[in-house]
Amino acid sequence: MSTMDVPSEAESEIPAPQPQSGRAAAPAMTWVTLALMTTASVASLRSAPTMAVYGLACVFLYLVPAIVFLMPTALVSAELASGWNGGVYRWVSEGLSKPLGFLAVWCQFAMTIFYYPSLLAYVAGTIAYVIDPRLAGSGLYTAIVIMVLYWTGVWVSARGTKAVAGLSSWGLIIGTLVPGTVLVVLGLVFLGQGNGSAAPMTGGHLLPQWTGLASLVLIVNNFLSYSGMEMNAVHVSSLKNPAREYPRSMFLAMGLVLLIFILPALAISWVVPADQLSLTAGVMQAFDAFFSHFHVGWLTPVVAVALVAAALGGMLTWLAGPSKGLLLISREEGYLPPFLQRLNKHGIQQNILVTQGVVTTAIALMYALIPNVSSAYWIFSVITTQVYLIVYLLMFAAAIRLRRTRPDHPRGYRAPALVPLCVLGLLASLAALAIGFVPSSQFGGGSVWSYIALVGGGLVVLGLLVPYLFLRLRRPDWRVPAAEPEAGAAAGGDA
C-alpha cells in the first residue's frame, strides 16, 4: 500500500445519487501521471524486511500475488469506478445489497485498527536506531511508542488540523524513493567491492524453501502490500482514452511497485543475515550495516528521521479518512448509534477516533505481552490482511453481478474478460483467507492454536461480528439528515 498503507478511497465513500457515466468532460491526467499516483499509493519499504528473510525468493513471493491479485483488482475496480461514484460502498450496495456495502466499508475501517499498531511498531523500531538499537526488540518500548504516537495523532486529527496534509505528497519521495534508492545503490557497491551476500543469490534459491503450507503464508502477507490499487481507479474517467490508457498505466505502476518492493528487500538480504533480521527494524538494520561498512555511521539517524517523518505524516494525514467514510454512510443509513456519529466542534468524528484508539491501545499492549516483537508484528499484519480481504471478496462478487444484471449501464472503462478476472481474484482472495490461518516461521515457536485463535478472533470479532451487531441493532432514528452534519459541528457536539 501507500507510504502509510491506508487506501484513501475511504474518504470518497459517499453514496452518490447519480452514476458516473462516460469520461470526464475535460480529461486532465496522463496515463503516466496515474501510474505514478498509483505507485505512491501502494509502494512502501515497510514490508521489505519481511521478504528480505527469504533472499532471492522474494522475487517469486512478490510476483505471484501481483499476477493473481494485483492485476484483477486494478482492472476490475477501474470498471466499477468509471460506472459508479462512491467507492466500494456504492459498488457493493449496487451489485449485492446495502448491508453488504456497509460490511465492505466497515472492513476498510476495521483493518486500520490492526494496521496502525503494525505501522507504529515499524516506526518504533526505526526510532530505536536513533536512541538505542537494543530497544527495537523490546515489546514494552514498542507498546509505549505505539500508544503515545497514536493518541497524539488522534489529538491532532480531532482538531481538524490541515498543516500535516502536505507530508503525504512527499511521503513517496522522503520515505520510499530516496531511502530505497540509497539502500539499493549501497548494496550494489557493497557487492561490487567483492563482499559476499548474507543470503545466497544463486538460481537454486529463486523459489522459497518448501516447508508445507507455512510456505504459502508468505504470499498471503503480500496481498496486503498490494491493497490500495483500487483507490486511484476513481481517476479512470480523467484519461483521454481509458480503454487503452488505463491498462497501460496499471502495468507501468505494477512494474514500478515491484521494483520498489523487490530491490530494497534484496539489498537488505545482502547485508543482514536472516536469523538476525527484525521485521520491524530491518530497514534500519540494513542502513546501519551499510553506513558502518562505508564509515558514514552519522547518516543512520538522518535516514531514521526521514523514514519516521514520512510514516507519521502519512498516518496523520489519513488517520481520519476511513472513519470519515464510515461516518458519512452511517449517518445516511443509520448504521451506527448516535454516540459514534457525533461530531466535535471542528466537525471531526472524534468519538469514532477515540473508540478506535481504545482498541488500538489494547492491541499495542499485546506487543508487551508477546515475547517476540517480530511475532506480534507478523500476527497483526496477517489479521489486517484477513479483514481487508473481505472487501475484495465483496468487490469481485459485486462486479460479476453488475456486469450481468446491468450490462448497459454507462461505464467509462470495461475490463477485458471481467468474469474470469473476478473469478481469479475471488479464488486468490479465498485461498489467501484460508492460508492466513497457517502460522509461518515468522510466528516463532508459539502455539499453533494460539495463533489460530488470535487471527481467527480478530477476523471474526472485528471483521464480522461487530458490523453484524450494528446492522441487527440499528434503529430508524439513528439516521441523520444530510444538513445536520454542519449543524452538529457548529453546535460543538464534542465527545
Protein backbone atom coordinates (compact mmCIF):
# COMPACT_ATOMS: atom_id res chain seq x y z
CA MET A 1 0.00 0.00 0.00
CA SER A 2 0.95 3.65 0.22
CA THR A 3 3.62 5.23 2.34
CA MET A 4 1.01 4.96 5.05
CA ASP A 5 -0.59 1.89 3.53
CA VAL A 6 -4.11 3.16 4.01
CA PRO A 7 -6.41 3.26 0.98
CA SER A 8 -7.69 6.78 0.74
CA GLU A 9 -10.78 5.99 -1.28
CA ALA A 10 -12.48 5.62 2.07
CA GLU A 11 -12.74 9.40 2.05
CA SER A 12 -14.90 9.21 -1.05
CA GLU A 13 -17.29 6.59 0.35
CA ILE A 14 -20.20 8.98 -0.10
CA PRO A 15 -23.24 7.40 -1.75
CA ALA A 16 -23.68 9.40 -4.93
CA PRO A 17 -27.18 9.95 -6.32
CA GLN A 18 -26.06 9.83 -9.94
CA PRO A 19 -23.87 7.27 -11.70
CA GLN A 20 -20.65 8.37 -13.27
CA SER A 21 -21.15 7.85 -16.94
CA GLY A 22 -18.62 8.04 -19.70
CA ARG A 23 -15.44 10.02 -19.49
CA ALA A 24 -14.93 13.35 -17.80
CA ALA A 25 -15.76 16.45 -19.81
CA ALA A 26 -12.16 17.64 -19.74
CA PRO A 27 -9.59 14.88 -19.31
CA ALA A 28 -6.78 16.30 -17.21
CA MET A 29 -4.50 13.37 -16.49
CA THR A 30 -2.00 11.36 -18.48
CA TRP A 31 -1.62 7.64 -18.04
CA VAL A 32 1.93 8.16 -16.74
CA THR A 33 0.66 10.54 -14.04
CA LEU A 34 -1.95 7.99 -12.96
CA ALA A 35 0.74 5.29 -12.86
CA LEU A 36 2.89 7.44 -10.56
CA MET A 37 -0.07 8.25 -8.33
CA THR A 38 -0.88 4.56 -8.04
CA THR A 39 2.74 3.72 -7.28
CA ALA A 40 2.75 6.32 -4.48
CA SER A 41 -0.43 4.78 -3.10
CA VAL A 42 0.93 1.24 -2.95
CA ALA A 43 4.73 1.20 -2.70
CA SER A 44 6.43 1.19 0.70
CA LEU A 45 9.63 -0.01 2.34
CA ARG A 46 7.79 -1.26 5.41
CA SER A 47 7.30 -4.80 4.14
CA ALA A 48 10.88 -5.14 2.83
CA PRO A 49 12.32 -6.85 5.95
CA THR A 50 9.54 -9.45 5.90
CA MET A 51 10.56 -10.60 2.43
CA ALA A 52 14.29 -9.98 2.87
CA VAL A 53 14.33 -13.02 5.16
CA TYR A 54 13.85 -15.14 2.01
CA GLY A 55 16.59 -13.59 -0.08
CA LEU A 56 16.27 -14.11 -3.81
CA ALA A 57 12.96 -15.96 -3.33
CA CYS A 58 11.31 -12.60 -2.53
CA VAL A 59 11.08 -12.03 -6.30
CA PHE A 60 8.76 -15.05 -6.59
CA LEU A 61 6.87 -14.10 -3.42
CA TYR A 62 6.05 -10.68 -4.86
CA LEU A 63 5.32 -11.76 -8.44
CA VAL A 64 2.67 -14.39 -7.64
CA PRO A 65 0.25 -12.10 -5.76
CA ALA A 66 0.89 -9.38 -8.36
CA ILE A 67 -0.46 -11.68 -11.09
CA VAL A 68 -3.36 -13.33 -9.24
CA PHE A 69 -4.46 -10.38 -7.09
CA LEU A 70 -2.94 -7.03 -8.07
CA MET A 71 -3.90 -7.20 -11.76
CA PRO A 72 -7.53 -8.33 -11.24
CA THR A 73 -8.02 -5.71 -8.52
CA ALA A 74 -6.71 -2.86 -10.67
CA LEU A 75 -8.71 -3.71 -13.81
CA VAL A 76 -11.99 -4.64 -12.08
CA SER A 77 -12.02 -1.60 -9.80
CA ALA A 78 -11.43 0.62 -12.84
CA GLU A 79 -14.65 -0.60 -14.45
CA LEU A 80 -16.60 -0.12 -11.23
CA ALA A 81 -15.18 3.34 -10.60
CA SER A 82 -15.94 4.50 -14.13
CA GLY A 83 -19.58 3.47 -13.76
CA TRP A 84 -20.46 4.22 -10.14
CA ASN A 85 -19.32 7.03 -7.83
CA GLY A 86 -18.88 6.45 -4.12
CA GLY A 87 -16.16 3.81 -3.87
CA VAL A 88 -16.53 0.27 -2.63
CA TYR A 89 -19.68 1.03 -0.59
CA ARG A 90 -21.57 2.10 -3.71
CA TRP A 91 -20.19 -0.76 -5.81
CA VAL A 92 -21.18 -3.45 -3.33
CA SER A 93 -24.51 -1.81 -2.47
CA GLU A 94 -25.49 -1.62 -6.15
CA GLY A 95 -24.20 -5.09 -7.00
CA LEU A 96 -25.19 -7.03 -3.89
CA SER A 97 -27.00 -5.15 -1.09
CA LYS A 98 -26.68 -2.14 1.20
CA PRO A 99 -25.91 -4.26 4.31
CA LEU A 100 -23.05 -5.92 2.43
CA GLY A 101 -21.96 -2.47 1.27
CA PHE A 102 -21.78 -1.47 4.93
CA LEU A 103 -19.77 -4.62 5.67
CA ALA A 104 -17.29 -3.61 2.94
CA VAL A 105 -16.78 -0.08 4.21
CA TRP A 106 -16.66 -1.34 7.81
CA CYS A 107 -13.84 -3.74 6.92
CA GLN A 108 -11.94 -0.88 5.30
CA PHE A 109 -12.19 0.92 8.60
CA ALA A 110 -11.62 -2.14 10.82
CA MET A 111 -8.39 -3.13 9.08
CA THR A 112 -6.85 0.16 10.19
CA ILE A 113 -7.38 -0.88 13.82
CA PHE A 114 -4.76 -3.58 13.26
CA TYR A 115 -2.83 -1.62 10.68
CA TYR A 116 -1.84 1.33 12.87
CA PRO A 117 -0.19 -0.80 15.58
CA SER A 118 1.89 -2.60 12.95
CA LEU A 119 2.81 0.69 11.22
CA LEU A 120 3.77 2.32 14.51
CA ALA A 121 5.75 -0.76 15.54
CA TYR A 122 7.80 -0.16 12.39
CA VAL A 123 8.17 3.48 13.44
CA ALA A 124 9.20 2.40 16.94
CA GLY A 125 11.87 0.09 15.51
CA THR A 126 13.15 2.91 13.31
CA ILE A 127 13.27 5.42 16.18
CA ALA A 128 15.19 2.85 18.25
CA TYR A 129 18.15 3.21 15.89
CA VAL A 130 18.41 6.88 16.85
CA ILE A 131 18.14 6.23 20.59
CA ASP A 132 19.39 2.69 21.29
CA PRO A 133 19.16 -0.16 18.72
CA ARG A 134 18.57 -2.66 21.53
CA LEU A 135 15.14 -1.09 22.14
CA ALA A 136 13.94 -2.43 18.76
CA GLY A 137 13.44 -5.85 20.34
CA SER A 138 11.64 -4.56 23.44
CA GLY A 139 7.90 -5.21 23.50
CA LEU A 140 7.30 -2.71 26.30
CA TYR A 141 9.15 0.05 24.44
CA THR A 142 7.22 -0.76 21.25
CA ALA A 143 3.87 -0.70 23.07
CA ILE A 144 4.63 2.69 24.67
CA VAL A 145 5.65 4.25 21.34
CA ILE A 146 2.51 2.92 19.63
CA MET A 147 0.21 4.35 22.30
CA VAL A 148 1.93 7.74 22.52
CA LEU A 149 2.10 8.29 18.76
CA TYR A 150 -1.43 7.02 18.07
CA TRP A 151 -3.09 9.20 20.72
CA THR A 152 -1.04 12.18 19.58
CA GLY A 153 -2.37 11.53 16.07
CA VAL A 154 -5.95 11.38 17.39
CA TRP A 155 -5.43 14.66 19.25
CA VAL A 156 -4.15 16.36 16.09
CA SER A 157 -6.82 14.87 13.80
CA ALA A 158 -9.67 15.72 16.18
CA ARG A 159 -8.78 19.40 15.83
CA GLY A 160 -9.14 19.36 12.07
CA THR A 161 -5.51 20.39 11.57
CA LYS A 162 -4.56 20.72 7.91
CA ALA A 163 -0.90 21.57 8.44
CA VAL A 164 0.33 18.00 8.04
CA ALA A 165 -1.54 17.29 4.80
CA GLY A 166 1.44 18.23 2.66
CA LEU A 167 3.55 15.50 4.25
CA SER A 168 1.55 12.85 2.41
CA SER A 169 2.53 14.14 -1.02
CA TRP A 170 6.19 14.00 -0.02
CA GLY A 171 5.86 10.59 1.57
CA LEU A 172 6.80 8.65 -1.56
CA ILE A 173 9.99 10.70 -2.01
CA ILE A 174 11.07 11.08 1.62
CA GLY A 175 10.07 7.69 2.92
CA THR A 176 10.37 5.41 -0.11
CA LEU A 177 12.17 6.59 -3.25
CA VAL A 178 15.21 8.32 -1.73
CA PRO A 179 15.97 5.82 1.06
CA GLY A 180 15.06 2.88 -1.20
CA THR A 181 17.42 4.09 -3.93
CA VAL A 182 20.20 4.75 -1.43
CA LEU A 183 19.73 1.28 0.06
CA VAL A 184 19.95 -0.44 -3.34
CA VAL A 185 22.95 1.63 -4.51
CA LEU A 186 24.83 0.93 -1.29
CA GLY A 187 24.01 -2.75 -1.67
CA LEU A 188 25.32 -2.88 -5.24
CA VAL A 189 28.52 -1.05 -4.26
CA PHE A 190 28.89 -3.42 -1.29
CA LEU A 191 28.67 -6.48 -3.58
CA GLY A 192 30.83 -4.77 -6.22
CA GLN A 193 33.64 -4.50 -3.69
CA GLY A 194 33.73 -8.28 -3.53
CA ASN A 195 31.83 -8.67 -0.26
CA GLY A 196 29.71 -11.80 -0.01
CA SER A 197 25.92 -11.69 0.25
CA ALA A 198 24.37 -12.76 3.56
CA ALA A 199 21.70 -14.60 1.53
CA PRO A 200 22.53 -16.95 -1.37
CA MET A 201 21.91 -15.32 -4.75
CA THR A 202 22.05 -18.42 -6.97
CA GLY A 203 19.37 -19.76 -9.29
CA GLY A 204 18.60 -22.56 -6.87
CA HIS A 205 17.23 -20.04 -4.40
CA LEU A 206 14.70 -18.39 -6.73
CA LEU A 207 11.90 -20.41 -5.11
CA PRO A 208 11.27 -20.31 -1.35
CA GLN A 209 12.19 -23.43 0.53
CA TRP A 210 9.09 -25.63 0.78
CA THR A 211 8.08 -26.27 4.39
CA GLY A 212 4.46 -27.22 3.80
CA LEU A 213 1.50 -24.83 3.95
CA ALA A 214 3.50 -22.42 6.09
CA SER A 215 5.47 -21.51 2.97
CA LEU A 216 2.31 -20.19 1.31
CA VAL A 217 1.60 -17.81 4.18
CA LEU A 218 4.39 -15.58 2.89
CA ILE A 219 2.42 -14.94 -0.29
CA VAL A 220 -0.69 -14.08 1.75
CA ASN A 221 1.08 -11.29 3.60
CA ASN A 222 1.97 -9.72 0.26
CA PHE A 223 -1.68 -9.40 -0.68
CA LEU A 224 -1.98 -6.50 1.73
CA SER A 225 1.17 -4.96 0.28
CA TYR A 226 -0.79 -4.51 -2.96
CA SER A 227 -4.01 -3.33 -1.34
CA GLY A 228 -4.94 0.18 -2.39
CA MET A 229 -4.57 -0.23 -6.17
CA GLU A 230 -8.31 0.37 -6.37
CA MET A 231 -8.12 3.79 -4.70
CA ASN A 232 -6.96 5.58 -7.87
CA ALA A 233 -9.49 3.81 -10.08
CA VAL A 234 -11.75 6.81 -9.47
CA HIS A 235 -9.50 8.78 -11.86
CA VAL A 236 -10.04 6.43 -14.80
CA SER A 237 -12.52 8.83 -16.45
CA SER A 238 -9.93 11.62 -16.41
CA LEU A 239 -7.90 9.78 -19.03
CA LYS A 240 -8.29 10.70 -22.69
CA ASN A 241 -8.74 7.09 -23.79
CA PRO A 242 -9.49 4.94 -20.69
CA ALA A 243 -9.84 1.65 -22.56
CA ARG A 244 -6.29 1.90 -23.96
CA GLU A 245 -4.50 4.08 -21.41
CA TYR A 246 -5.72 2.62 -18.11
CA PRO A 247 -4.28 -0.89 -18.65
CA ARG A 248 -1.03 0.74 -19.81
CA SER A 249 -0.98 2.89 -16.68
CA MET A 250 -1.63 -0.11 -14.39
CA PHE A 251 1.10 -2.25 -15.97
CA LEU A 252 3.60 0.61 -15.58
CA ALA A 253 2.52 1.06 -11.95
CA MET A 254 2.80 -2.69 -11.38
CA GLY A 255 6.36 -2.67 -12.72
CA LEU A 256 7.37 0.31 -10.58
CA VAL A 257 5.75 -1.18 -7.47
CA LEU A 258 7.55 -4.49 -7.99
CA LEU A 259 10.89 -2.70 -8.35
CA ILE A 260 10.30 -0.69 -5.18
CA PHE A 261 9.28 -3.81 -3.28
CA ILE A 262 11.88 -6.25 -4.59
CA LEU A 263 15.15 -4.30 -4.89
CA PRO A 264 15.27 -2.91 -1.31
CA ALA A 265 14.31 -6.35 0.05
CA LEU A 266 17.20 -7.88 -1.86
CA ALA A 267 19.58 -5.15 -0.64
CA ILE A 268 18.61 -5.89 2.96
CA SER A 269 19.18 -9.62 2.42
CA TRP A 270 22.70 -8.92 1.11
CA VAL A 271 23.89 -7.40 4.37
CA VAL A 272 21.69 -8.67 7.24
CA PRO A 273 21.58 -12.46 7.91
CA ALA A 274 18.02 -13.82 8.01
CA ASP A 275 18.32 -15.13 11.56
CA GLN A 276 19.27 -11.64 12.80
CA LEU A 277 16.67 -9.67 10.85
CA SER A 278 13.95 -7.79 12.72
CA LEU A 279 10.62 -7.43 10.90
CA THR A 280 10.04 -4.02 12.49
CA ALA A 281 13.57 -2.59 12.33
CA GLY A 282 15.04 -4.49 9.37
CA VAL A 283 15.30 -1.44 7.12
CA MET A 284 17.35 0.40 9.73
CA GLN A 285 19.44 -2.71 10.41
CA ALA A 286 20.47 -2.69 6.75
CA PHE A 287 21.20 1.05 6.67
CA ASP A 288 23.18 0.76 9.89
CA ALA A 289 25.23 -2.12 8.49
CA PHE A 290 25.92 -0.34 5.17
CA PHE A 291 26.75 3.00 6.81
CA SER A 292 29.09 1.28 9.25
CA HIS A 293 30.81 -0.54 6.37
CA PHE A 294 31.30 2.70 4.44
CA HIS A 295 32.26 4.65 7.60
CA VAL A 296 29.34 7.11 7.40
CA GLY A 297 27.52 6.00 10.52
CA TRP A 298 26.37 9.57 11.20
CA LEU A 299 23.84 9.12 8.37
CA THR A 300 21.90 6.45 10.29
CA PRO A 301 19.84 8.89 12.39
CA VAL A 302 19.29 11.10 9.32
CA VAL A 303 17.67 8.23 7.42
CA ALA A 304 15.72 7.19 10.51
CA VAL A 305 14.24 10.68 10.87
CA ALA A 306 13.26 10.70 7.16
CA LEU A 307 11.52 7.31 7.43
CA VAL A 308 9.72 8.28 10.63
CA ALA A 309 8.62 11.66 9.25
CA ALA A 310 7.16 10.04 6.12
CA ALA A 311 5.33 7.33 8.07
CA LEU A 312 3.91 9.72 10.68
CA GLY A 313 2.96 12.28 8.05
CA GLY A 314 1.00 9.62 6.23
CA MET A 315 -0.65 8.40 9.41
CA LEU A 316 -1.69 11.90 10.48
CA THR A 317 -2.96 12.81 7.04
CA TRP A 318 -5.11 9.72 6.66
CA LEU A 319 -5.97 8.85 10.27
CA ALA A 320 -9.50 10.21 9.91
CA GLY A 321 -10.04 9.01 6.32
CA PRO A 322 -11.57 5.53 6.75
CA SER A 323 -13.57 6.63 9.79
CA LYS A 324 -14.90 9.62 7.83
CA GLY A 325 -16.17 7.32 5.10
CA LEU A 326 -17.82 5.07 7.68
CA LEU A 327 -19.41 8.10 9.36
CA LEU A 328 -20.89 9.59 6.17
CA ILE A 329 -22.57 6.35 5.14
CA SER A 330 -23.74 5.56 8.66
CA ARG A 331 -25.37 8.97 9.04
CA GLU A 332 -27.30 8.45 5.81
CA GLU A 333 -28.38 4.87 6.51
CA GLY A 334 -28.35 4.84 10.33
CA TYR A 335 -25.74 2.09 10.66
CA LEU A 336 -24.02 3.48 13.78
CA PRO A 337 -25.54 4.66 17.09
CA PRO A 338 -25.78 8.44 17.61
CA PHE A 339 -22.81 8.47 20.02
CA LEU A 340 -20.45 7.32 17.27
CA GLN A 341 -21.99 9.68 14.72
CA ARG A 342 -21.46 12.78 16.87
CA LEU A 343 -19.05 15.43 15.61
CA ASN A 344 -16.91 17.73 17.73
CA LYS A 345 -16.74 21.49 17.29
CA HIS A 346 -14.23 21.06 14.45
CA GLY A 347 -16.59 18.79 12.50
CA ILE A 348 -14.43 15.71 13.19
CA GLN A 349 -15.79 12.26 14.15
CA GLN A 350 -13.91 12.37 17.45
CA ASN A 351 -15.94 9.64 19.17
CA ILE A 352 -15.10 7.11 16.46
CA LEU A 353 -11.41 8.02 16.66
CA VAL A 354 -11.37 7.69 20.45
CA THR A 355 -13.22 4.37 20.39
CA GLN A 356 -10.78 3.11 17.78
CA GLY A 357 -7.96 4.36 19.97
CA VAL A 358 -9.12 2.30 22.94
CA VAL A 359 -8.98 -0.87 20.84
CA THR A 360 -5.64 0.18 19.33
CA THR A 361 -4.24 0.66 22.84
CA ALA A 362 -5.34 -2.86 23.82
CA ILE A 363 -3.62 -4.23 20.72
CA ALA A 364 -0.49 -2.21 21.48
CA LEU A 365 -0.29 -3.80 24.91
CA MET A 366 -0.04 -7.19 23.23
CA TYR A 367 3.38 -6.16 21.96
CA ALA A 368 4.40 -6.02 25.61
CA LEU A 369 2.82 -9.41 26.34
CA ILE A 370 4.05 -11.36 23.30
CA PRO A 371 7.77 -12.08 23.93
CA ASN A 372 8.93 -11.64 20.33
CA VAL A 373 8.16 -8.25 18.77
CA SER A 374 8.55 -9.70 15.25
CA SER A 375 5.94 -12.38 16.09
CA ALA A 376 3.46 -9.75 17.27
CA TYR A 377 4.13 -7.63 14.17
CA TRP A 378 3.51 -10.64 11.93
CA ILE A 379 0.26 -11.61 13.68
CA PHE A 380 -1.22 -8.12 13.35
CA SER A 381 -0.12 -7.89 9.72
CA VAL A 382 -1.95 -11.14 8.96
CA ILE A 383 -5.12 -10.03 10.80
CA THR A 384 -5.04 -6.78 8.82
CA THR A 385 -4.85 -8.77 5.59
CA GLN A 386 -7.65 -11.13 6.63
CA VAL A 387 -10.07 -8.31 7.44
CA TYR A 388 -9.27 -6.40 4.26
CA LEU A 389 -9.68 -9.47 2.06
CA ILE A 390 -13.41 -9.39 2.88
CA VAL A 391 -13.60 -6.08 0.98
CA TYR A 392 -12.10 -7.66 -2.13
CA LEU A 393 -14.34 -10.74 -1.97
CA LEU A 394 -17.37 -8.44 -1.93
CA MET A 395 -15.95 -6.20 -4.67
CA PHE A 396 -15.29 -9.06 -7.09
CA ALA A 397 -18.70 -10.62 -6.44
CA ALA A 398 -20.42 -7.26 -6.98
CA ALA A 399 -18.54 -6.67 -10.25
CA ILE A 400 -19.71 -10.02 -11.67
CA ARG A 401 -23.32 -9.35 -10.72
CA LEU A 402 -23.32 -5.78 -12.05
CA ARG A 403 -21.92 -6.90 -15.41
CA ARG A 404 -24.74 -9.49 -15.67
CA THR A 405 -27.66 -7.51 -14.24
CA ARG A 406 -26.75 -4.07 -15.59
CA PRO A 407 -24.72 -4.69 -18.75
CA ASP A 408 -25.96 -1.49 -20.41
CA HIS A 409 -25.10 0.82 -17.52
CA PRO A 410 -22.68 3.53 -18.79
CA ARG A 411 -19.07 2.70 -18.00
CA GLY A 412 -16.07 4.78 -19.00
CA TYR A 413 -13.93 1.64 -18.99
CA ARG A 414 -14.83 -2.03 -19.45
CA ALA A 415 -12.33 -4.54 -18.11
CA PRO A 416 -11.42 -7.27 -20.62
CA ALA A 417 -12.57 -10.75 -19.54
CA LEU A 418 -14.11 -9.28 -16.41
CA VAL A 419 -15.73 -12.50 -15.16
CA PRO A 420 -12.51 -14.59 -15.44
CA LEU A 421 -10.60 -11.74 -13.77
CA CYS A 422 -13.13 -11.66 -10.92
CA VAL A 423 -13.06 -15.43 -10.53
CA LEU A 424 -9.24 -15.34 -10.38
CA GLY A 425 -9.40 -12.55 -7.79
CA LEU A 426 -12.05 -14.39 -5.77
CA LEU A 427 -10.14 -17.67 -5.73
CA ALA A 428 -6.89 -15.91 -4.82
CA SER A 429 -8.59 -13.97 -2.02
CA LEU A 430 -10.32 -17.09 -0.65
CA ALA A 431 -7.06 -19.04 -0.77
CA ALA A 432 -5.27 -16.20 0.99
CA LEU A 433 -8.00 -16.06 3.63
CA ALA A 434 -7.68 -19.79 4.33
CA ILE A 435 -3.88 -19.92 4.24
CA GLY A 436 -3.70 -16.94 6.60
CA PHE A 437 -4.65 -19.29 9.44
CA VAL A 438 -1.47 -21.32 8.95
CA PRO A 439 1.38 -19.92 11.08
CA SER A 440 4.60 -19.23 9.21
CA SER A 441 8.11 -19.37 10.54
CA GLN A 442 7.75 -15.67 11.42
CA PHE A 443 5.49 -16.69 14.31
CA GLY A 444 8.45 -18.29 16.02
CA GLY A 445 7.86 -21.28 18.26
CA GLY A 446 4.45 -20.21 19.57
CA SER A 447 1.43 -22.49 19.83
CA VAL A 448 -0.37 -23.11 16.55
CA TRP A 449 -3.76 -22.97 18.29
CA SER A 450 -2.86 -19.66 19.93
CA TYR A 451 -2.02 -18.26 16.51
CA ILE A 452 -5.30 -19.52 15.01
CA ALA A 453 -7.24 -18.11 17.96
CA LEU A 454 -5.60 -14.69 17.62
CA VAL A 455 -6.02 -14.43 13.86
CA GLY A 456 -9.47 -16.02 13.78
CA GLY A 457 -10.66 -13.98 16.74
CA GLY A 458 -9.51 -10.74 15.17
CA LEU A 459 -11.18 -11.60 11.85
CA VAL A 460 -14.49 -12.82 13.31
CA VAL A 461 -14.95 -10.21 16.03
CA LEU A 462 -13.89 -7.04 14.22
CA GLY A 463 -14.50 -8.13 10.63
CA LEU A 464 -17.87 -9.86 11.01
CA LEU A 465 -19.45 -9.84 14.49
CA VAL A 466 -19.27 -6.09 15.18
CA PRO A 467 -20.80 -5.00 11.83
CA TYR A 468 -23.47 -7.71 12.21
CA LEU A 469 -24.46 -6.30 15.61
CA PHE A 470 -24.60 -2.77 14.23
CA LEU A 471 -26.90 -3.92 11.43
CA ARG A 472 -29.03 -6.04 13.76
CA LEU A 473 -29.49 -3.36 16.41
CA ARG A 474 -29.81 -0.28 14.20
CA ARG A 475 -32.92 1.86 14.51
CA PRO A 476 -34.61 4.32 12.12
CA ASP A 477 -33.86 7.26 14.45
CA TRP A 478 -30.12 6.63 14.01
CA ARG A 479 -30.32 8.27 10.59
CA VAL A 480 -29.08 11.86 10.42
CA PRO A 481 -30.49 14.31 7.80
CA ALA A 482 -27.94 15.43 5.22
CA ALA A 483 -27.91 19.02 6.51
CA GLU A 484 -27.30 18.03 10.12
CA PRO A 485 -23.52 17.34 9.99
CA GLU A 486 -22.77 21.03 9.57
CA ALA A 487 -25.30 21.95 12.28
CA GLY A 488 -23.84 19.41 14.67
CA ALA A 489 -20.34 20.66 14.07
CA ALA A 490 -21.39 24.25 14.57
CA ALA A 491 -23.10 23.33 17.83
CA GLY A 492 -19.85 21.86 19.09
CA GLY A 493 -21.02 18.30 19.75
CA ASP A 494 -17.83 17.14 21.46
CA ALA A 495 -17.18 13.64 22.61
